[in-house]
Amino acid sequence: MKLDTQPVFDREYARLPREHKKLFRAALHEHFLPAVDSGAFTGNPPWPTRLRIHRIADTSIYSLTWSFTGPDGRATFHLESDDEGDPVLVWRRIGTHEIYDRP
């Protein structure tokens, strides 16, 4: 699956402290991407419970919790298709619970 980012994600990611970036990348590579490769978007297998992935009500936006405490780390993403019809995962926002105001 291809990955992309929105400009707001890039800005927010750049502002994260180094340790927060490290925690996000660890969750991404150790749990999230393997789940994507295994087909978690289809529901089989399910998403790893430690990431608390869920769809935000009445949207096509998903939320991922990459850290529960110190920091409260959240990220949002959605799926779209490229010109060839292949899926692209687009990272939208990253930060604390406050990103849910405008996911």
PDB file of N, CA and C in Angstrom:
ATOM      1  N   MET A   1       0.836  -1.171   0.000  1.00  0.00           N
ATOM      2  CA  MET A   1       0.000   0.000   0.000  1.00  0.00           C
ATOM      3  C   MET A   1       0.888   1.243   0.000  1.00  0.00           C
ATOM      4  N   LYS A   2       0.482   2.201  -0.795  1.00  0.00           N
ATOM      5  CA  LYS A   2       1.209   3.462  -0.850  1.00  0.00           C
ATOM      6  C   LYS A   2       0.802   4.338   0.328  1.00  0.00           C
ATOM      7  N   LEU A   3       1.724   5.176   0.758  1.00  0.00           N
ATOM      8  CA  LEU A   3       1.471   6.121   1.850  1.00  0.00           C
ATOM      9  C   LEU A   3       1.674   7.537   1.345  1.00  0.00           C
ATOM     10  N   ASP A   4       0.874   8.455   1.873  1.00  0.00           N
ATOM     11  CA  ASP A   4       1.007   9.870   1.535  1.00  0.00           C
ATOM     12  C   ASP A   4       0.673  10.670   2.794  1.00  0.00           C
ATOM     13  N   THR A   5       0.970  11.946   2.780  1.00  0.00           N
ATOM     14  CA  THR A   5       0.648  12.811   3.909  1.00  0.00           C
ATOM     15  C   THR A   5       0.022  14.099   3.398  1.00  0.00           C
ATOM     16  N   GLN A   6      -0.832  14.679   4.232  1.00  0.00           N
ATOM     17  CA  GLN A   6      -1.357  16.002   3.938  1.00  0.00           C
ATOM     18  C   GLN A   6      -0.397  17.034   4.534  1.00  0.00           C
ATOM     19  N   PRO A   7      -0.373  18.241   3.980  1.00  0.00           N
ATOM     20  CA  PRO A   7       0.551  19.261   4.486  1.00  0.00           C
ATOM     21  C   PRO A   7       0.410  19.537   5.981  1.00  0.00           C
ATOM     22  N   VAL A   8      -0.806  19.509   6.520  1.00  0.00           N
ATOM     23  CA  VAL A   8      -0.975  19.761   7.950  1.00  0.00           C
ATOM     24  C   VAL A   8      -0.299  18.659   8.776  1.00  0.00           C
ATOM     25  N   PHE A   9      -0.353  17.413   8.309  1.00  0.00           N
ATOM     26  CA  PHE A   9       0.339  16.326   8.996  1.00  0.00           C
ATOM     27  C   PHE A   9       1.844  16.593   9.001  1.00  0.00           C
ATOM     28  N   ASP A  10       2.371  16.995   7.858  1.00  0.00           N
ATOM     29  CA  ASP A  10       3.813  17.266   7.758  1.00  0.00           C
ATOM     30  C   ASP A  10       4.238  18.352   8.746  1.00  0.00           C
ATOM     31  N   ARG A  11       3.442  19.411   8.850  1.00  0.00           N
ATOM     32  CA  ARG A  11       3.768  20.501   9.781  1.00  0.00           C
ATOM     33  C   ARG A  11       3.690  20.020  11.229  1.00  0.00           C
ATOM     34  N   GLU A  12       2.640  19.279  11.552  1.00  0.00           N
ATOM     35  CA  GLU A  12       2.484  18.807  12.922  1.00  0.00           C
ATOM     36  C   GLU A  12       3.568  17.799  13.284  1.00  0.00           C
ATOM     37  N   TYR A  13       3.900  16.928  12.345  1.00  0.00           N
ATOM     38  CA  TYR A  13       4.951  15.947  12.595  1.00  0.00           C
ATOM     39  C   TYR A  13       6.286  16.646  12.838  1.00  0.00           C
ATOM     40  N   ALA A  14       6.579  17.667  12.061  1.00  0.00           N
ATOM     41  CA  ALA A  14       7.842  18.405  12.207  1.00  0.00           C
ATOM     42  C   ALA A  14       7.952  19.055  13.585  1.00  0.00           C
ATOM     43  N   ARG A  15       6.816  19.418  14.175  1.00  0.00           N
ATOM     44  CA  ARG A  15       6.822  20.065  15.490  1.00  0.00           C
ATOM     45  C   ARG A  15       6.882  19.075  16.655  1.00  0.00           C
ATOM     46  N   LEU A  16       6.667  17.799  16.388  1.00  0.00           N
ATOM     47  CA  LEU A  16       6.716  16.818  17.475  1.00  0.00           C
ATOM     48  C   LEU A  16       8.129  16.725  18.046  1.00  0.00           C
ATOM     49  N   PRO A  17       8.238  16.551  19.347  1.00  0.00           N
ATOM     50  CA  PRO A  17       9.557  16.291  19.929  1.00  0.00           C
ATOM     51  C   PRO A  17      10.137  14.978  19.378  1.00  0.00           C
ATOM     52  N   ARG A  18      11.427  14.883  19.348  1.00  0.00           N
ATOM     53  CA  ARG A  18      12.115  13.715  18.797  1.00  0.00           C
ATOM     54  C   ARG A  18      11.601  12.401  19.395  1.00  0.00           C
ATOM     55  N   GLU A  19      11.401  12.375  20.722  1.00  0.00           N
ATOM     56  CA  GLU A  19      10.934  11.148  21.378  1.00  0.00           C
ATOM     57  C   GLU A  19       9.531  10.761  20.911  1.00  0.00           C
ATOM     58  N   HIS A  20       8.679  11.732  20.659  1.00  0.00           N
ATOM     59  CA  HIS A  20       7.327  11.446  20.177  1.00  0.00           C
ATOM     60  C   HIS A  20       7.385  10.859  18.766  1.00  0.00           C
ATOM     61  N   LYS A  21       8.247  11.421  17.933  1.00  0.00           N
ATOM     62  CA  LYS A  21       8.421  10.877  16.583  1.00  0.00           C
ATOM     63  C   LYS A  21       8.896   9.432  16.646  1.00  0.00           C
ATOM     64  N   LYS A  22       9.805   9.161  17.566  1.00  0.00           N
ATOM     65  CA  LYS A  22      10.333   7.811  17.719  1.00  0.00           C
ATOM     66  C   LYS A  22       9.215   6.839  18.117  1.00  0.00           C
ATOM     67  N   LEU A  23       8.348   7.246  19.037  1.00  0.00           N
ATOM     68  CA  LEU A  23       7.232   6.400  19.455  1.00  0.00           C
ATOM     69  C   LEU A  23       6.254   6.155  18.311  1.00  0.00           C
ATOM     70  N   PHE A  24       5.970   7.196  17.533  1.00  0.00           N
ATOM     71  CA  PHE A  24       5.059   7.041  16.393  1.00  0.00           C
ATOM     72  C   PHE A  24       5.650   6.080  15.367  1.00  0.00           C
ATOM     73  N   ARG A  25       6.906   6.274  15.016  1.00  0.00           N
ATOM     74  CA  ARG A  25       7.538   5.398  14.020  1.00  0.00           C
ATOM     75  C   ARG A  25       7.587   3.951  14.501  1.00  0.00           C
ATOM     76  N   ALA A  26       7.827   3.746  15.800  1.00  0.00           N
ATOM     77  CA  ALA A  26       7.854   2.386  16.342  1.00  0.00           C
ATOM     78  C   ALA A  26       6.475   1.737  16.205  1.00  0.00           C
ATOM     79  N   ALA A  27       5.421   2.465  16.571  1.00  0.00           N
ATOM     80  CA  ALA A  27       4.066   1.912  16.445  1.00  0.00           C
ATOM     81  C   ALA A  27       3.740   1.630  14.983  1.00  0.00           C
ATOM     82  N   LEU A  28       4.171   2.511  14.113  1.00  0.00           N
ATOM     83  CA  LEU A  28       3.926   2.354  12.679  1.00  0.00           C
ATOM     84  C   LEU A  28       4.583   1.091  12.146  1.00  0.00           C
ATOM     85  N   HIS A  29       5.864   0.930  12.419  1.00  0.00           N
ATOM     86  CA  HIS A  29       6.613  -0.186  11.840  1.00  0.00           C
ATOM     87  C   HIS A  29       6.405  -1.511  12.563  1.00  0.00           C
ATOM     88  N   GLU A  30       6.180  -1.463  13.868  1.00  0.00           N
ATOM     89  CA  GLU A  30       6.036  -2.709  14.621  1.00  0.00           C
ATOM     90  C   GLU A  30       4.617  -3.258  14.615  1.00  0.00           C
ATOM     91  N   HIS A  31       3.612  -2.380  14.469  1.00  0.00           N
ATOM     92  CA  HIS A  31       2.237  -2.848  14.602  1.00  0.00           C
ATOM     93  C   HIS A  31       1.326  -2.452  13.443  1.00  0.00           C
ATOM     94  N   PHE A  32       1.359  -1.180  13.047  1.00  0.00           N
ATOM     95  CA  PHE A  32       0.409  -0.690  12.052  1.00  0.00           C
ATOM     96  C   PHE A  32       0.673  -1.257  10.657  1.00  0.00           C
ATOM     97  N   LEU A  33       1.865  -1.061  10.128  1.00  0.00           N
ATOM     98  CA  LEU A  33       2.146  -1.525   8.763  1.00  0.00           C
ATOM     99  C   LEU A  33       2.038  -3.044   8.621  1.00  0.00           C
ATOM    100  N   PRO A  34       2.503  -3.839   9.601  1.00  0.00           N
ATOM    101  CA  PRO A  34       2.268  -5.280   9.490  1.00  0.00           C
ATOM    102  C   PRO A  34       0.774  -5.629   9.452  1.00  0.00           C
ATOM    103  N   ALA A  35      -0.043  -4.892  10.209  1.00  0.00           N
ATOM    104  CA  ALA A  35      -1.487  -5.142  10.190  1.00  0.00           C
ATOM    105  C   ALA A  35      -2.084  -4.788   8.828  1.00  0.00           C
ATOM    106  N   VAL A  36      -1.632  -3.673   8.247  1.00  0.00           N
ATOM    107  CA  VAL A  36      -2.093  -3.288   6.914  1.00  0.00           C
ATOM    108  C   VAL A  36      -1.718  -4.373   5.915  1.00  0.00           C
ATOM    109  N   ASP A  37      -0.469  -4.838   5.957  1.00  0.00           N
ATOM    110  CA  ASP A  37      -0.007  -5.878   5.040  1.00  0.00           C
ATOM    111  C   ASP A  37      -0.779  -7.186   5.207  1.00  0.00           C
ATOM    112  N   SER A  38      -1.279  -7.436   6.424  1.00  0.00           N
ATOM    113  CA  SER A  38      -2.032  -8.661   6.695  1.00  0.00           C
ATOM    114  C   SER A  38      -3.499  -8.547   6.318  1.00  0.00           C
ATOM    115  N   GLY A  39      -3.946  -7.355   5.940  1.00  0.00           N
ATOM    116  CA  GLY A  39      -5.317  -7.172   5.507  1.00  0.00           C
ATOM    117  C   GLY A  39      -6.258  -6.606   6.547  1.00  0.00           C
ATOM    118  N   ALA A  40      -5.752  -5.893   7.538  1.00  0.00           N
ATOM    119  CA  ALA A  40      -6.603  -5.377   8.613  1.00  0.00           C
ATOM    120  C   ALA A  40      -7.715  -4.462   8.107  1.00  0.00           C
ATOM    121  N   PHE A  41      -7.525  -3.809   6.972  1.00  0.00           N
ATOM    122  CA  PHE A  41      -8.588  -2.952   6.453  1.00  0.00           C
ATOM    123  C   PHE A  41      -9.821  -3.754   6.052  1.00  0.00           C
ATOM    124  N   THR A  42      -9.648  -5.028   5.813  1.00  0.00           N
ATOM    125  CA  THR A  42     -10.785  -5.884   5.473  1.00  0.00           C
ATOM    126  C   THR A  42     -11.459  -6.443   6.715  1.00  0.00           C
ATOM    127  N   GLY A  43     -10.827  -6.283   7.866  1.00  0.00           N
ATOM    128  CA  GLY A  43     -11.386  -6.808   9.100  1.00  0.00           C
ATOM    129  C   GLY A  43     -10.867  -8.182   9.482  1.00  0.00           C
ATOM    130  N   ASN A  44     -10.092  -8.794   8.617  1.00  0.00           N
ATOM    131  CA  ASN A  44      -9.545 -10.112   8.909  1.00  0.00           C
ATOM    132  C   ASN A  44      -8.092 -10.162   8.486  1.00  0.00           C
ATOM    133  N   PRO A  45      -7.153 -10.107   9.396  1.00  0.00           N
ATOM    134  CA  PRO A  45      -7.310 -10.077  10.844  1.00  0.00           C
ATOM    135  C   PRO A  45      -7.738  -8.691  11.312  1.00  0.00           C
ATOM    136  N   PRO A  46      -8.193  -8.603  12.552  1.00  0.00           N
ATOM    137  CA  PRO A  46      -8.577  -7.288  13.068  1.00  0.00           C
ATOM    138  C   PRO A  46      -7.350  -6.416  13.331  1.00  0.00           C
ATOM    139  N   TRP A  47      -7.589  -5.132  13.514  1.00  0.00           N
ATOM    140  CA  TRP A  47      -6.498  -4.213  13.877  1.00  0.00           C
ATOM    141  C   TRP A  47      -5.927  -4.607  15.227  1.00  0.00           C
ATOM    142  N   PRO A  48      -4.634  -4.394  15.455  1.00  0.00           N
ATOM    143  CA  PRO A  48      -4.065  -4.642  16.781  1.00  0.00           C
ATOM    144  C   PRO A  48      -4.772  -3.758  17.813  1.00  0.00           C
ATOM    145  N   THR A  49      -5.247  -4.355  18.889  1.00  0.00           N
ATOM    146  CA  THR A  49      -5.995  -3.598  19.892  1.00  0.00           C
ATOM    147  C   THR A  49      -5.154  -2.499  20.522  1.00  0.00           C
ATOM    148  N   ARG A  50      -3.847  -2.686  20.591  1.00  0.00           N
ATOM    149  CA  ARG A  50      -2.987  -1.681  21.217  1.00  0.00           C
ATOM    150  C   ARG A  50      -2.992  -0.350  20.474  1.00  0.00           C
ATOM    151  N   LEU A  51      -3.416  -0.338  19.215  1.00  0.00           N
ATOM    152  CA  LEU A  51      -3.444   0.906  18.444  1.00  0.00           C
ATOM    153  C   LEU A  51      -4.791   1.618  18.522  1.00  0.00           C
ATOM    154  N   ARG A  52      -5.793   0.965  19.081  1.00  0.00           N
ATOM    155  CA  ARG A  52      -7.135   1.547  19.241  1.00  0.00           C
ATOM    156  C   ARG A  52      -7.620   2.225  17.964  1.00  0.00           C
ATOM    157  N   ILE A  53      -7.492   1.559  16.846  1.00  0.00           N
ATOM    158  CA  ILE A  53      -7.921   2.119  15.562  1.00  0.00           C
ATOM    159  C   ILE A  53      -9.436   2.041  15.469  1.00  0.00           C
ATOM    160  N   HIS A  54     -10.029   3.160  15.101  1.00  0.00           N
ATOM    161  CA  HIS A  54     -11.472   3.202  14.908  1.00  0.00           C
ATOM    162  C   HIS A  54     -11.813   4.281  13.887  1.00  0.00           C
ATOM    163  N   ARG A  55     -12.968   4.124  13.301  1.00  0.00           N
ATOM    164  CA  ARG A  55     -13.454   5.115  12.351  1.00  0.00           C
ATOM    165  C   ARG A  55     -14.127   6.228  13.137  1.00  0.00           C
ATOM    166  N   ILE A  56     -13.832   7.459  12.765  1.00  0.00           N
ATOM    167  CA  ILE A  56     -14.459   8.607  13.415  1.00  0.00           C
ATOM    168  C   ILE A  56     -15.889   8.712  12.892  1.00  0.00           C
ATOM    169  N   ALA A  57     -16.830   8.861  13.781  1.00  0.00           N
ATOM    170  CA  ALA A  57     -18.261   8.815  13.471  1.00  0.00           C
ATOM    171  C   ALA A  57     -18.626   9.599  12.217  1.00  0.00           C
ATOM    172  N   ASP A  58     -19.402   8.947  11.360  1.00  0.00           N
ATOM    173  CA  ASP A  58     -19.967   9.559  10.153  1.00  0.00           C
ATOM    174  C   ASP A  58     -18.926  10.132   9.198  1.00  0.00           C
ATOM    175  N   THR A  59     -17.714   9.568   9.198  1.00  0.00           N
ATOM    176  CA  THR A  59     -16.673  10.005   8.270  1.00  0.00           C
ATOM    177  C   THR A  59     -15.974   8.783   7.694  1.00  0.00           C
ATOM    178  N   SER A  60     -15.080   9.014   6.768  1.00  0.00           N
ATOM    179  CA  SER A  60     -14.218   7.949   6.250  1.00  0.00           C
ATOM    180  C   SER A  60     -12.814   8.082   6.844  1.00  0.00           C
ATOM    181  N   ILE A  61     -12.715   8.815   7.960  1.00  0.00           N
ATOM    182  CA  ILE A  61     -11.440   9.074   8.623  1.00  0.00           C
ATOM    183  C   ILE A  61     -11.266   8.090   9.782  1.00  0.00           C
ATOM    184  N   TYR A  62     -10.071   7.542   9.877  1.00  0.00           N
ATOM    185  CA  TYR A  62      -9.728   6.630  10.956  1.00  0.00           C
ATOM    186  C   TYR A  62      -8.809   7.325  11.952  1.00  0.00           C
ATOM    187  N   SER A  63      -8.850   6.841  13.174  1.00  0.00           N
ATOM    188  CA  SER A  63      -7.976   7.340  14.235  1.00  0.00           C
ATOM    189  C   SER A  63      -7.091   6.208  14.724  1.00  0.00           C
ATOM    190  N   LEU A  64      -5.864   6.536  15.060  1.00  0.00           N
ATOM    191  CA  LEU A  64      -4.901   5.593  15.612  1.00  0.00           C
ATOM    192  C   LEU A  64      -4.303   6.225  16.858  1.00  0.00           C
ATOM    193  N   THR A  65      -4.209   5.463  17.930  1.00  0.00           N
ATOM    194  CA  THR A  65      -3.556   5.954  19.143  1.00  0.00           C
ATOM    195  C   THR A  65      -2.183   5.299  19.210  1.00  0.00           C
ATOM    196  N   TRP A  66      -1.146   6.101  19.080  1.00  0.00           N
ATOM    197  CA  TRP A  66       0.206   5.540  19.099  1.00  0.00           C
ATOM    198  C   TRP A  66       0.867   5.659  20.460  1.00  0.00           C
ATOM    199  N   SER A  67       0.251   6.408  21.366  1.00  0.00           N
ATOM    200  CA  SER A  67       0.748   6.498  22.740  1.00  0.00           C
ATOM    201  C   SER A  67      -0.395   6.963  23.628  1.00  0.00           C
ATOM    202  N   PHE A  68      -0.528   6.336  24.788  1.00  0.00           N
ATOM    203  CA  PHE A  68      -1.620   6.673  25.694  1.00  0.00           C
ATOM    204  C   PHE A  68      -1.227   7.728  26.720  1.00  0.00           C
ATOM    205  N   THR A  69       0.011   7.691  27.165  1.00  0.00           N
ATOM    206  CA  THR A  69       0.476   8.646  28.174  1.00  0.00           C
ATOM    207  C   THR A  69       1.888   9.070  27.829  1.00  0.00           C
ATOM    208  N   GLY A  70       2.198  10.290  28.161  1.00  0.00           N
ATOM    209  CA  GLY A  70       3.564  10.796  28.017  1.00  0.00           C
ATOM    210  C   GLY A  70       4.244  10.498  26.708  1.00  0.00           C
ATOM    211  N   PRO A  71       3.731  10.903  25.587  1.00  0.00           N
ATOM    212  CA  PRO A  71       2.656  11.833  25.274  1.00  0.00           C
ATOM    213  C   PRO A  71       1.341  11.109  24.988  1.00  0.00           C
ATOM    214  N   ASP A  72       0.294  11.895  24.922  1.00  0.00           N
ATOM    215  CA  ASP A  72      -0.993  11.428  24.416  1.00  0.00           C
ATOM    216  C   ASP A  72      -0.858  11.524  22.903  1.00  0.00           C
ATOM    217  N   GLY A  73      -0.560  10.423  22.232  1.00  0.00           N
ATOM    218  CA  GLY A  73      -0.251  10.463  20.807  1.00  0.00           C
ATOM    219  C   GLY A  73      -1.342   9.880  19.939  1.00  0.00           C
ATOM    220  N   ARG A  74      -1.849  10.698  19.033  1.00  0.00           N
ATOM    221  CA  ARG A  74      -2.919  10.291  18.120  1.00  0.00           C
ATOM    222  C   ARG A  74      -2.543  10.686  16.698  1.00  0.00           C
ATOM    223  N   ALA A  75      -3.107   9.969  15.750  1.00  0.00           N
ATOM    224  CA  ALA A  75      -2.957  10.332  14.343  1.00  0.00           C
ATOM    225  C   ALA A  75      -4.240   9.947  13.623  1.00  0.00           C
ATOM    226  N   THR A  76      -4.568  10.690  12.577  1.00  0.00           N
ATOM    227  CA  THR A  76      -5.733  10.343  11.763  1.00  0.00           C
ATOM    228  C   THR A  76      -5.284  10.086  10.332  1.00  0.00           C
ATOM    229  N   PHE A  77      -6.075   9.254   9.654  1.00  0.00           N
ATOM    230  CA  PHE A  77      -5.749   8.888   8.278  1.00  0.00           C
ATOM    231  C   PHE A  77      -7.024   8.486   7.552  1.00  0.00           C
ATOM    232  N   HIS A  78      -6.939   8.449   6.235  1.00  0.00           N
ATOM    233  CA  HIS A  78      -8.039   7.948   5.419  1.00  0.00           C
ATOM    234  C   HIS A  78      -7.452   7.202   4.229  1.00  0.00           C
ATOM    235  N   LEU A  79      -8.294   6.496   3.524  1.00  0.00           N
ATOM    236  CA  LEU A  79      -7.887   5.772   2.318  1.00  0.00           C
ATOM    237  C   LEU A  79      -8.442   6.475   1.089  1.00  0.00           C
ATOM    238  N   GLU A  80      -7.661   6.467   0.049  1.00  0.00           N
ATOM    239  CA  GLU A  80      -8.124   6.926  -1.257  1.00  0.00           C
ATOM    240  C   GLU A  80      -7.449   6.065  -2.302  1.00  0.00           C
ATOM    241  N   SER A  81      -7.752   6.303  -3.556  1.00  0.00           N
ATOM    242  CA  SER A  81      -7.151   5.532  -4.644  1.00  0.00           C
ATOM    243  C   SER A  81      -6.316   6.438  -5.521  1.00  0.00           C
ATOM    244  N   ASP A  82      -5.224   5.874  -6.050  1.00  0.00           N
ATOM    245  CA  ASP A  82      -4.410   6.650  -6.987  1.00  0.00           C
ATOM    246  C   ASP A  82      -5.016   6.530  -8.387  1.00  0.00           C
ATOM    247  N   ASP A  83      -4.347   7.075  -9.389  1.00  0.00           N
ATOM    248  CA  ASP A  83      -4.861   7.087 -10.761  1.00  0.00           C
ATOM    249  C   ASP A  83      -5.045   5.689 -11.339  1.00  0.00           C
ATOM    250  N   GLU A  84      -4.293   4.711 -10.816  1.00  0.00           N
ATOM    251  CA  GLU A  84      -4.409   3.334 -11.296  1.00  0.00           C
ATOM    252  C   GLU A  84      -5.428   2.528 -10.492  1.00  0.00           C
ATOM    253  N   GLY A  85      -6.045   3.160  -9.497  1.00  0.00           N
ATOM    254  CA  GLY A  85      -7.028   2.474  -8.671  1.00  0.00           C
ATOM    255  C   GLY A  85      -6.441   1.732  -7.486  1.00  0.00           C
ATOM    256  N   ASP A  86      -5.138   1.916  -7.242  1.00  0.00           N
ATOM    257  CA  ASP A  86      -4.497   1.268  -6.105  1.00  0.00           C
ATOM    258  C   ASP A  86      -4.746   2.076  -4.837  1.00  0.00           C
ATOM    259  N   PRO A  87      -4.882   1.393  -3.685  1.00  0.00           N
ATOM    260  CA  PRO A  87      -5.147   2.120  -2.440  1.00  0.00           C
ATOM    261  C   PRO A  87      -3.956   2.944  -1.974  1.00  0.00           C
ATOM    262  N   VAL A  88      -4.265   4.110  -1.417  1.00  0.00           N
ATOM    263  CA  VAL A  88      -3.269   5.005  -0.840  1.00  0.00           C
ATOM    264  C   VAL A  88      -3.760   5.390   0.556  1.00  0.00           C
ATOM    265  N   LEU A  89      -2.931   5.176   1.553  1.00  0.00           N
ATOM    266  CA  LEU A  89      -3.245   5.588   2.911  1.00  0.00           C
ATOM    267  C   LEU A  89      -2.691   6.994   3.093  1.00  0.00           C
ATOM    268  N   VAL A  90      -3.548   7.927   3.474  1.00  0.00           N
ATOM    269  CA  VAL A  90      -3.162   9.333   3.596  1.00  0.00           C
ATOM    270  C   VAL A  90      -3.220   9.734   5.068  1.00  0.00           C
ATOM    271  N   TRP A  91      -2.073  10.100   5.604  1.00  0.00           N
ATOM    272  CA  TRP A  91      -2.011  10.609   6.977  1.00  0.00           C
ATOM    273  C   TRP A  91      -2.509  12.041   6.976  1.00  0.00           C
ATOM    274  N   ARG A  92      -3.438  12.345   7.891  1.00  0.00           N
ATOM    275  CA  ARG A  92      -4.100  13.644   7.926  1.00  0.00           C
ATOM    276  C   ARG A  92      -3.585  14.558   9.034  1.00  0.00           C
ATOM    277  N   ARG A  93      -3.568  14.081  10.276  1.00  0.00           N
ATOM    278  CA  ARG A  93      -3.190  14.878  11.440  1.00  0.00           C
ATOM    279  C   ARG A  93      -2.375  14.006  12.382  1.00  0.00           C
ATOM    280  N   ILE A  94      -1.570  14.641  13.249  1.00  0.00           N
ATOM    281  CA  ILE A  94      -0.833  13.924  14.283  1.00  0.00           C
ATOM    282  C   ILE A  94      -0.640  14.876  15.463  1.00  0.00           C
ATOM    283  N   GLY A  95      -0.760  14.323  16.655  1.00  0.00           N
ATOM    284  CA  GLY A  95      -0.588  15.143  17.851  1.00  0.00           C
ATOM    285  C   GLY A  95      -1.309  14.523  19.031  1.00  0.00           C
ATOM    286  N   THR A  96      -1.999  15.358  19.788  1.00  0.00           N
ATOM    287  CA  THR A  96      -2.738  14.896  20.965  1.00  0.00           C
ATOM    288  C   THR A  96      -4.218  14.743  20.612  1.00  0.00           C
ATOM    289  N   HIS A  97      -5.021  14.473  21.611  1.00  0.00           N
ATOM    290  CA  HIS A  97      -6.457  14.311  21.440  1.00  0.00           C
ATOM    291  C   HIS A  97      -7.081  15.531  20.761  1.00  0.00           C
ATOM    292  N   GLU A  98      -6.439  16.675  20.826  1.00  0.00           N
ATOM    293  CA  GLU A  98      -6.955  17.909  20.220  1.00  0.00           C
ATOM    294  C   GLU A  98      -7.102  17.819  18.700  1.00  0.00           C
ATOM    295  N   ILE A  99      -6.422  16.895  18.046  1.00  0.00           N
ATOM    296  CA  ILE A  99      -6.540  16.783  16.580  1.00  0.00           C
ATOM    297  C   ILE A  99      -7.941  16.376  16.169  1.00  0.00           C
ATOM    298  N   TYR A 100      -8.729  15.827  17.102  1.00  0.00           N
ATOM    299  CA  TYR A 100     -10.084  15.407  16.770  1.00  0.00           C
ATOM    300  C   TYR A 100     -11.024  16.577  16.526  1.00  0.00           C
ATOM    301  N   ASP A 101     -10.610  17.793  16.907  1.00  0.00           N
ATOM    302  CA  ASP A 101     -11.438  18.962  16.621  1.00  0.00           C
ATOM    303  C   ASP A 101     -11.593  19.160  15.122  1.00  0.00           C
ATOM    304  N   ARG A 102     -10.528  18.851  14.373  1.00  0.00           N
ATOM    305  CA  ARG A 102     -10.538  18.936  12.904  1.00  0.00           C
ATOM    306  C   ARG A 102      -9.709  17.797  12.362  1.00  0.00           C
ATOM    307  N   PRO A 103     -10.268  16.559  12.363  1.00  0.00           N
ATOM    308  CA  PRO A 103      -9.465  15.361  12.043  1.00  0.00           C
ATOM    309  C   PRO A 103      -8.978  15.347  10.608  1.00  0.00           C
TER     310      PRO A 103
END
